[in-house]
PDB file of N, CA and C in Angstrom:
ATOM      1  N   MET A   1     -18.304  37.315  56.231  1.00  0.00           N
ATOM      2  CA  MET A   1     -18.871  36.796  55.479  1.00  0.00           C
ATOM      3  C   MET A   1     -18.311  37.744  54.297  1.00  0.00           C
ATOM      4  N   LEU A   2     -18.426  39.366  53.994  1.00  0.00           N
ATOM      5  CA  LEU A   2     -18.782  40.225  53.474  1.00  0.00           C
ATOM      6  C   LEU A   2     -17.058  40.264  52.677  1.00  0.00           C
ATOM      7  N   ALA A   3     -16.146  40.009  53.124  1.00  0.00           N
ATOM      8  CA  ALA A   3     -14.745  40.183  52.706  1.00  0.00           C
ATOM      9  C   ALA A   3     -14.492  39.213  51.841  1.00  0.00           C
ATOM     10  N   GLY A   4     -15.391  37.596  51.273  1.00  0.00           N
ATOM     11  CA  GLY A   4     -15.192  36.357  51.084  1.00  0.00           C
ATOM     12  C   GLY A   4     -16.543  36.446  49.905  1.00  0.00           C
ATOM     13  N   ILE A   5     -16.926  37.529  49.014  1.00  0.00           N
ATOM     14  CA  ILE A   5     -17.936  37.508  48.194  1.00  0.00           C
ATOM     15  C   ILE A   5     -17.349  39.011  47.176  1.00  0.00           C
ATOM     16  N   HIS A   6     -17.733  38.816  46.438  1.00  0.00           N
ATOM     17  CA  HIS A   6     -17.158  39.873  45.363  1.00  0.00           C
ATOM     18  C   HIS A   6     -17.988  40.091  43.991  1.00  0.00           C
ATOM     19  N   TYR A   7     -17.872  41.047  43.451  1.00  0.00           N
ATOM     20  CA  TYR A   7     -18.685  41.306  41.964  1.00  0.00           C
ATOM     21  C   TYR A   7     -18.120  39.953  41.337  1.00  0.00           C
ATOM     22  N   GLY A   8     -19.524  39.979  40.759  1.00  0.00           N
ATOM     23  CA  GLY A   8     -19.510  38.609  39.445  1.00  0.00           C
ATOM     24  C   GLY A   8     -19.757  36.940  39.730  1.00  0.00           C
ATOM     25  N   ASP A   9     -18.938  37.309  41.094  1.00  0.00           N
ATOM     26  CA  ASP A   9     -19.034  35.566  42.148  1.00  0.00           C
ATOM     27  C   ASP A   9     -20.136  35.020  41.316  1.00  0.00           C
ATOM     28  N   THR A  10     -20.164  33.675  41.161  1.00  0.00           N
ATOM     29  CA  THR A  10     -21.464  32.543  41.064  1.00  0.00           C
ATOM     30  C   THR A  10     -21.758  32.054  42.302  1.00  0.00           C
ATOM     31  N   VAL A  11     -23.077  32.031  42.945  1.00  0.00           N
ATOM     32  CA  VAL A  11     -23.461  31.555  44.522  1.00  0.00           C
ATOM     33  C   VAL A  11     -24.509  30.405  44.052  1.00  0.00           C
ATOM     34  N   GLN A  12     -24.868  29.411  44.608  1.00  0.00           N
ATOM     35  CA  GLN A  12     -25.937  28.860  44.559  1.00  0.00           C
ATOM     36  C   GLN A  12     -27.117  28.800  45.556  1.00  0.00           C
ATOM     37  N   VAL A  13     -28.448  28.672  44.525  1.00  0.00           N
ATOM     38  CA  VAL A  13     -29.077  29.090  45.179  1.00  0.00           C
ATOM     39  C   VAL A  13     -30.195  28.185  44.893  1.00  0.00           C
ATOM     40  N   SER A  14     -30.591  27.989  45.869  1.00  0.00           N
ATOM     41  CA  SER A  14     -31.707  26.633  46.281  1.00  0.00           C
ATOM     42  C   SER A  14     -33.624  27.328  46.471  1.00  0.00           C
ATOM     43  N   CYS A  15     -34.072  26.618  46.192  1.00  0.00           N
ATOM     44  CA  CYS A  15     -35.171  26.889  46.787  1.00  0.00           C
ATOM     45  C   CYS A  15     -36.203  25.688  47.375  1.00  0.00           C
ATOM     46  N   ASP A  16     -37.484  25.522  48.180  1.00  0.00           N
ATOM     47  CA  ASP A  16     -38.700  24.342  47.681  1.00  0.00           C
ATOM     48  C   ASP A  16     -39.371  23.974  46.574  1.00  0.00           C
ATOM     49  N   GLY A  17     -38.779  22.626  46.127  1.00  0.00           N
ATOM     50  CA  GLY A  17     -39.716  22.648  44.720  1.00  0.00           C
ATOM     51  C   GLY A  17     -38.712  22.784  43.689  1.00  0.00           C
ATOM     52  N   CYS A  18     -37.729  23.561  43.379  1.00  0.00           N
ATOM     53  CA  CYS A  18     -36.536  23.712  42.671  1.00  0.00           C
ATOM     54  C   CYS A  18     -35.946  23.488  41.932  1.00  0.00           C
ATOM     55  N   ALA A  19     -35.451  23.369  40.835  1.00  0.00           N
ATOM     56  CA  ALA A  19     -34.724  21.967  40.482  1.00  0.00           C
ATOM     57  C   ALA A  19     -33.018  22.488  41.098  1.00  0.00           C
ATOM     58  N   ALA A  20     -32.170  21.232  41.014  1.00  0.00           N
ATOM     59  CA  ALA A  20     -31.120  21.357  41.509  1.00  0.00           C
ATOM     60  C   ALA A  20     -29.834  22.404  40.594  1.00  0.00           C
ATOM     61  N   GLY A  21     -28.689  22.850  41.494  1.00  0.00           N
ATOM     62  CA  GLY A  21     -27.651  23.543  40.670  1.00  0.00           C
ATOM     63  C   GLY A  21     -27.946  25.037  40.497  1.00  0.00           C
ATOM     64  N   LEU A  22     -28.982  25.186  40.796  1.00  0.00           N
ATOM     65  CA  LEU A  22     -29.253  27.003  40.033  1.00  0.00           C
ATOM     66  C   LEU A  22     -27.781  28.148  40.762  1.00  0.00           C
ATOM     67  N   THR A  23     -28.037  28.574  39.702  1.00  0.00           N
ATOM     68  CA  THR A  23     -26.931  29.506  40.481  1.00  0.00           C
ATOM     69  C   THR A  23     -27.378  30.864  40.171  1.00  0.00           C
ATOM     70  N   ALA A  24     -26.479  31.738  40.674  1.00  0.00           N
ATOM     71  CA  ALA A  24     -27.149  33.088  40.407  1.00  0.00           C
ATOM     72  C   ALA A  24     -25.591  34.309  40.161  1.00  0.00           C
ATOM     73  N   LYS A  25     -25.418  35.412  40.207  1.00  0.00           N
ATOM     74  CA  LYS A  25     -24.463  36.113  39.469  1.00  0.00           C
ATOM     75  C   LYS A  25     -24.391  37.519  40.698  1.00  0.00           C
ATOM     76  N   VAL A  26     -23.529  37.412  41.780  1.00  0.00           N
ATOM     77  CA  VAL A  26     -23.343  38.852  42.384  1.00  0.00           C
ATOM     78  C   VAL A  26     -22.845  40.354  41.009  1.00  0.00           C
ATOM     79  N   THR A  27     -24.380  41.190  41.507  1.00  0.00           N
ATOM     80  CA  THR A  27     -24.259  42.233  40.037  1.00  0.00           C
ATOM     81  C   THR A  27     -24.202  43.320  40.970  1.00  0.00           C
ATOM     82  N   PHE A  28     -24.562  43.429  42.510  1.00  0.00           N
ATOM     83  CA  PHE A  28     -24.114  44.316  43.093  1.00  0.00           C
ATOM     84  C   PHE A  28     -23.984  44.419  44.582  1.00  0.00           C
ATOM     85  N   ILE A  29     -22.889  44.873  45.263  1.00  0.00           N
ATOM     86  CA  ILE A  29     -22.523  44.868  46.728  1.00  0.00           C
ATOM     87  C   ILE A  29     -22.509  46.560  47.545  1.00  0.00           C
ATOM     88  N   ALA A  30     -23.374  46.477  48.224  1.00  0.00           N
ATOM     89  CA  ALA A  30     -23.621  48.161  48.703  1.00  0.00           C
ATOM     90  C   ALA A  30     -21.828  48.552  49.100  1.00  0.00           C
ATOM     91  N   GLY A  31     -21.962  49.508  49.502  1.00  0.00           N
ATOM     92  CA  GLY A  31     -20.574  50.018  50.108  1.00  0.00           C
ATOM     93  C   GLY A  31     -20.848  50.172  51.291  1.00  0.00           C
ATOM     94  N   SER A  32     -21.878  50.884  51.881  1.00  0.00           N
ATOM     95  CA  SER A  32     -21.376  50.960  53.615  1.00  0.00           C
ATOM     96  C   SER A  32     -23.008  49.995  53.812  1.00  0.00           C
ATOM     97  N   ALA A  33     -22.709  49.739  55.268  1.00  0.00           N
ATOM     98  CA  ALA A  33     -23.486  49.038  56.106  1.00  0.00           C
ATOM     99  C   ALA A  33     -24.999  49.412  56.381  1.00  0.00           C
ATOM    100  N   GLU A  34     -26.234  48.636  56.853  1.00  0.00           N
ATOM    101  CA  GLU A  34     -26.960  49.263  57.511  1.00  0.00           C
ATOM    102  C   GLU A  34     -27.080  48.136  58.679  1.00  0.00           C
ATOM    103  N   TYR A  35     -27.680  48.999  60.304  1.00  0.00           N
ATOM    104  CA  TYR A  35     -27.949  48.743  61.534  1.00  0.00           C
ATOM    105  C   TYR A  35     -28.535  48.326  61.969  1.00  0.00           C
ATOM    106  N   THR A  36     -28.649  47.072  62.361  1.00  0.00           N
ATOM    107  CA  THR A  36     -29.846  46.933  62.858  1.00  0.00           C
ATOM    108  C   THR A  36     -29.960  47.606  64.674  1.00  0.00           C
ATOM    109  N   PRO A  37     -31.173  47.716  64.836  1.00  0.00           N
ATOM    110  CA  PRO A  37     -31.421  48.461  66.652  1.00  0.00           C
ATOM    111  C   PRO A  37     -31.174  47.065  67.468  1.00  0.00           C
ATOM    112  N   PRO A  38     -29.775  47.949  68.531  1.00  0.00           N
ATOM    113  CA  PRO A  38     -29.869  48.931  68.446  1.00  0.00           C
ATOM    114  C   PRO A  38     -28.383  49.981  67.823  1.00  0.00           C
ATOM    115  N   VAL A  39     -28.176  50.805  67.588  1.00  0.00           N
ATOM    116  CA  VAL A  39     -26.905  51.322  66.274  1.00  0.00           C
ATOM    117  C   VAL A  39     -25.370  51.536  67.083  1.00  0.00           C
ATOM    118  N   ILE A  40     -25.970  51.443  69.018  1.00  0.00           N
ATOM    119  CA  ILE A  40     -24.383  51.569  69.340  1.00  0.00           C
ATOM    120  C   ILE A  40     -23.698  50.305  68.551  1.00  0.00           C
ATOM    121  N   TYR A  41     -22.170  50.824  68.111  1.00  0.00           N
ATOM    122  CA  TYR A  41     -21.438  49.900  67.395  1.00  0.00           C
ATOM    123  C   TYR A  41     -20.107  49.452  68.805  1.00  0.00           C
ATOM    124  N   SER A  42     -20.812  47.793  68.869  1.00  0.00           N
ATOM    125  CA  SER A  42     -19.114  47.650  69.067  1.00  0.00           C
ATOM    126  C   SER A  42     -19.188  46.311  68.646  1.00  0.00           C
ATOM    127  N   LEU A  43     -17.884  45.464  69.407  1.00  0.00           N
ATOM    128  CA  LEU A  43     -18.447  43.587  69.157  1.00  0.00           C
ATOM    129  C   LEU A  43     -19.284  43.489  68.517  1.00  0.00           C
ATOM    130  N   GLU A  44     -19.816  43.275  69.992  1.00  0.00           N
ATOM    131  CA  GLU A  44     -20.571  42.493  70.108  1.00  0.00           C
ATOM    132  C   GLU A  44     -22.136  42.592  69.278  1.00  0.00           C
ATOM    133  N   GLU A  45     -22.092  43.705  68.681  1.00  0.00           N
ATOM    134  CA  GLU A  45     -23.145  44.341  67.676  1.00  0.00           C
ATOM    135  C   GLU A  45     -22.672  44.010  66.263  1.00  0.00           C
ATOM    136  N   ARG A  46     -21.197  43.750  66.150  1.00  0.00           N
ATOM    137  CA  ARG A  46     -20.790  43.633  65.018  1.00  0.00           C
ATOM    138  C   ARG A  46     -21.537  43.082  63.819  1.00  0.00           C
ATOM    139  N   ALA A  47     -22.079  41.252  64.883  1.00  0.00           N
ATOM    140  CA  ALA A  47     -22.295  40.561  63.643  1.00  0.00           C
ATOM    141  C   ALA A  47     -23.834  41.013  63.246  1.00  0.00           C
ATOM    142  N   LYS A  48     -24.254  42.207  63.738  1.00  0.00           N
ATOM    143  CA  LYS A  48     -25.529  42.996  63.506  1.00  0.00           C
ATOM    144  C   LYS A  48     -25.985  43.756  62.349  1.00  0.00           C
ATOM    145  N   LEU A  49     -23.998  43.661  61.800  1.00  0.00           N
ATOM    146  CA  LEU A  49     -23.725  44.848  60.397  1.00  0.00           C
ATOM    147  C   LEU A  49     -24.680  43.994  59.085  1.00  0.00           C
ATOM    148  N   VAL A  50     -25.382  44.467  58.341  1.00  0.00           N
ATOM    149  CA  VAL A  50     -26.221  44.146  57.208  1.00  0.00           C
ATOM    150  C   VAL A  50     -25.627  44.870  55.863  1.00  0.00           C
ATOM    151  N   TYR A  51     -25.291  43.955  55.015  1.00  0.00           N
ATOM    152  CA  TYR A  51     -24.668  44.790  53.859  1.00  0.00           C
ATOM    153  C   TYR A  51     -26.076  44.156  52.401  1.00  0.00           C
ATOM    154  N   LEU A  52     -26.393  45.024  51.836  1.00  0.00           N
ATOM    155  CA  LEU A  52     -27.128  44.427  50.880  1.00  0.00           C
ATOM    156  C   LEU A  52     -26.026  44.030  49.725  1.00  0.00           C
ATOM    157  N   ILE A  53     -26.617  42.602  49.182  1.00  0.00           N
ATOM    158  CA  ILE A  53     -25.636  41.966  48.242  1.00  0.00           C
ATOM    159  C   ILE A  53     -27.072  41.852  47.172  1.00  0.00           C
ATOM    160  N   GLU A  54     -26.723  41.940  45.943  1.00  0.00           N
ATOM    161  CA  GLU A  54     -28.053  41.417  45.138  1.00  0.00           C
ATOM    162  C   GLU A  54     -27.109  40.645  43.666  1.00  0.00           C
ATOM    163  N   ALA A  55     -27.598  39.548  43.788  1.00  0.00           N
ATOM    164  CA  ALA A  55     -27.475  38.427  42.803  1.00  0.00           C
ATOM    165  C   ALA A  55     -28.462  38.126  41.754  1.00  0.00           C
ATOM    166  N   HIS A  56     -28.369  38.393  40.145  1.00  0.00           N
ATOM    167  CA  HIS A  56     -29.429  38.213  39.522  1.00  0.00           C
ATOM    168  C   HIS A  56     -29.146  36.472  38.673  1.00  0.00           C
ATOM    169  N   PRO A  57     -30.269  35.649  39.150  1.00  0.00           N
ATOM    170  CA  PRO A  57     -30.169  34.338  38.295  1.00  0.00           C
ATOM    171  C   PRO A  57     -29.832  34.044  37.051  1.00  0.00           C
ATOM    172  N   THR A  58     -28.539  32.872  37.135  1.00  0.00           N
ATOM    173  CA  THR A  58     -28.272  32.646  35.392  1.00  0.00           C
ATOM    174  C   THR A  58     -29.953  31.833  34.661  1.00  0.00           C
ATOM    175  N   ASP A  59     -30.977  31.682  35.383  1.00  0.00           N
ATOM    176  CA  ASP A  59     -32.269  30.962  34.482  1.00  0.00           C
ATOM    177  C   ASP A  59     -33.022  31.565  35.102  1.00  0.00           C
ATOM    178  N   PRO A  60     -33.080  33.175  35.445  1.00  0.00           N
ATOM    179  CA  PRO A  60     -34.812  33.766  35.764  1.00  0.00           C
ATOM    180  C   PRO A  60     -35.896  32.720  35.784  1.00  0.00           C
ATOM    181  N   SER A  61     -36.353  32.387  34.709  1.00  0.00           N
ATOM    182  CA  SER A  61     -37.548  31.629  34.898  1.00  0.00           C
ATOM    183  C   SER A  61     -37.650  30.754  35.416  1.00  0.00           C
ATOM    184  N   ALA A  62     -36.713  29.907  36.310  1.00  0.00           N
ATOM    185  CA  ALA A  62     -36.587  29.382  37.220  1.00  0.00           C
ATOM    186  C   ALA A  62     -37.206  29.362  38.454  1.00  0.00           C
ATOM    187  N   PHE A  63     -37.322  30.603  38.752  1.00  0.00           N
ATOM    188  CA  PHE A  63     -37.818  31.606  40.258  1.00  0.00           C
ATOM    189  C   PHE A  63     -38.887  31.944  39.555  1.00  0.00           C
ATOM    190  N   ARG A  64     -40.102  32.065  40.721  1.00  0.00           N
ATOM    191  CA  ARG A  64     -40.968  32.835  40.477  1.00  0.00           C
ATOM    192  C   ARG A  64     -40.992  34.537  41.439  1.00  0.00           C
ATOM    193  N   VAL A  65     -41.622  35.453  41.113  1.00  0.00           N
ATOM    194  CA  VAL A  65     -41.091  36.321  41.864  1.00  0.00           C
ATOM    195  C   VAL A  65     -41.714  36.665  43.327  1.00  0.00           C
ATOM    196  N   GLY A  66     -40.182  37.081  44.397  1.00  0.00           N
ATOM    197  CA  GLY A  66     -41.474  36.802  45.588  1.00  0.00           C
ATOM    198  C   GLY A  66     -41.179  35.571  46.307  1.00  0.00           C
ATOM    199  N   GLN A  67     -40.570  34.782  45.481  1.00  0.00           N
ATOM    200  CA  GLN A  67     -40.149  32.885  46.041  1.00  0.00           C
ATOM    201  C   GLN A  67     -38.504  33.281  47.142  1.00  0.00           C
ATOM    202  N   PRO A  68     -39.226  32.717  48.184  1.00  0.00           N
ATOM    203  CA  PRO A  68     -37.781  32.658  49.175  1.00  0.00           C
ATOM    204  C   PRO A  68     -36.812  31.135  48.628  1.00  0.00           C
ATOM    205  N   VAL A  69     -36.078  31.792  48.769  1.00  0.00           N
ATOM    206  CA  VAL A  69     -34.576  31.153  48.330  1.00  0.00           C
ATOM    207  C   VAL A  69     -33.452  31.069  49.681  1.00  0.00           C
ATOM    208  N   THR A  70     -32.542  29.856  49.631  1.00  0.00           N
ATOM    209  CA  THR A  70     -31.400  30.101  50.417  1.00  0.00           C
ATOM    210  C   THR A  70     -29.998  30.107  49.452  1.00  0.00           C
ATOM    211  N   VAL A  71     -29.500  31.628  49.734  1.00  0.00           N
ATOM    212  CA  VAL A  71     -28.157  31.906  49.060  1.00  0.00           C
ATOM    213  C   VAL A  71     -27.301  30.686  49.693  1.00  0.00           C
ATOM    214  N   THR A  72     -26.451  29.839  48.168  1.00  0.00           N
ATOM    215  CA  THR A  72     -24.666  29.403  49.573  1.00  0.00           C
ATOM    216  C   THR A  72     -23.822  30.480  48.873  1.00  0.00           C
ATOM    217  N   LEU A  73     -22.819  31.129  49.679  1.00  0.00           N
ATOM    218  CA  LEU A  73     -21.824  31.898  48.668  1.00  0.00           C
ATOM    219  C   LEU A  73     -20.588  30.761  48.684  1.00  0.00           C
ATOM    220  N   PRO A  74     -20.248  31.819  48.013  1.00  0.00           N
ATOM    221  CA  PRO A  74     -18.591  30.809  47.324  1.00  0.00           C
ATOM    222  C   PRO A  74     -18.084  30.062  48.493  1.00  0.00           C
ATOM    223  N   ASN A  75     -17.571  30.729  49.976  1.00  0.00           N
ATOM    224  CA  ASN A  75     -17.107  30.176  50.914  1.00  0.00           C
ATOM    225  C   ASN A  75     -17.718  29.532  51.987  1.00  0.00           C
ATOM    226  N   GLY A  76     -19.294  28.429  51.228  1.00  0.00           N
ATOM    227  CA  GLY A  76     -19.782  27.684  52.114  1.00  0.00           C
ATOM    228  C   GLY A  76     -21.074  28.264  53.159  1.00  0.00           C
ATOM    229  N   ALA A  77     -21.133  29.784  53.179  1.00  0.00           N
ATOM    230  CA  ALA A  77     -21.726  29.935  54.465  1.00  0.00           C
ATOM    231  C   ALA A  77     -22.896  30.254  53.322  1.00  0.00           C
ATOM    232  N   HIS A  78     -24.229  30.174  54.321  1.00  0.00           N
ATOM    233  CA  HIS A  78     -25.817  30.313  54.029  1.00  0.00           C
ATOM    234  C   HIS A  78     -26.137  31.624  54.359  1.00  0.00           C
ATOM    235  N   SER A  79     -27.301  31.893  52.820  1.00  0.00           N
ATOM    236  CA  SER A  79     -27.589  33.588  53.956  1.00  0.00           C
ATOM    237  C   SER A  79     -29.517  33.675  53.691  1.00  0.00           C
TER     238      SER A  79
END
């Protein structure tokens, strides 16, 4: 999924009780991966690579700090 998202992309954001159509803009993509245990790399472990991606809401007042959200990437994948 990493190859499908770019700095400046707009992502869809949803949460329980939030208005429909909320968006955020990608402001940061980490240059290196974090590894979830175990740290032995293999094709099976590839799915466990995690990259930090930050997106700032277009309307920050629509959210509360710490509120869980669902982010839909431009390619339709959820995270």
